[in-house]
């Protein structure tokens, strides 16, 4: 991933954010969806930073 241009990381981040927002709106602003999704994103990020 070190040889990937910077715009690829930016587009990926925007895609994740847009998908999160759309699913949140589709769930009619359910707080449980918000907490579960944010927890899952943080969990996945932690695993990726740790190198798993």
Protein backbone atom coordinates (compact mmCIF):
# COMPACT_ATOMS: atom_id res chain seq x y z
CA UNK A 1 0.00 0.00 0.00
CA UNK A 2 3.02 2.28 0.15
CA UNK A 3 3.16 2.64 -3.65
CA UNK A 4 -0.45 3.73 -4.01
CA UNK A 5 -1.05 7.37 -4.99
CA UNK A 6 -2.48 9.65 -2.31
CA UNK A 7 -5.79 10.17 -4.14
CA UNK A 8 -6.61 6.45 -3.77
CA UNK A 9 -6.57 6.78 0.02
CA UNK A 10 -8.70 9.92 -0.21
CA UNK A 11 -11.29 8.28 -2.49
CA UNK A 12 -11.46 5.20 -0.24
CA UNK A 13 -12.03 7.39 2.84
CA UNK A 14 -14.76 9.35 1.08
CA UNK A 15 -16.43 6.13 -0.07
CA UNK A 16 -16.45 4.71 3.47
CA UNK A 17 -17.85 7.96 4.87
CA UNK A 18 -20.54 8.21 2.19
CA UNK A 19 -21.56 4.56 2.69
CA UNK A 20 -21.77 5.08 6.45
CA UNK A 21 -23.94 8.20 6.02
CA UNK A 22 -26.27 6.50 3.53
CA UNK A 23 -26.78 3.43 5.74
CA UNK A 24 -27.36 5.69 8.75
CA UNK A 25 -30.06 7.60 6.86
CA UNK A 26 -31.59 4.35 5.59
CA UNK A 27 -31.87 3.07 9.16
CA UNK A 28 -33.90 6.17 10.00
CA UNK A 29 -31.14 7.64 12.17
CA UNK A 30 -31.06 4.67 14.56
CA UNK A 31 -28.58 5.26 17.38
CA UNK A 32 -27.88 1.53 17.67
CA UNK A 33 -26.69 1.45 14.04
CA UNK A 34 -24.47 4.43 14.75
CA UNK A 35 -22.81 2.83 17.77
CA UNK A 36 -22.38 -0.60 16.21
CA UNK A 37 -20.98 0.79 12.96
CA UNK A 38 -18.56 3.15 14.64
CA UNK A 39 -17.40 0.36 16.93
CA UNK A 40 -16.87 -1.93 13.96
CA UNK A 41 -14.93 0.73 12.04
CA UNK A 42 -12.71 1.43 15.06
CA UNK A 43 -12.16 -2.32 15.58
CA UNK A 44 -11.20 -2.84 11.92
CA UNK A 45 -8.90 0.19 12.00
CA UNK A 46 -7.15 -1.10 15.11
CA UNK A 47 -6.58 -4.49 13.49
CA UNK A 48 -5.22 -2.90 10.36
CA UNK A 49 -2.86 -0.58 12.25
CA UNK A 50 -1.61 -3.54 14.30
CA UNK A 51 -0.75 -5.35 11.07
CA UNK A 52 -3.21 -8.20 11.37
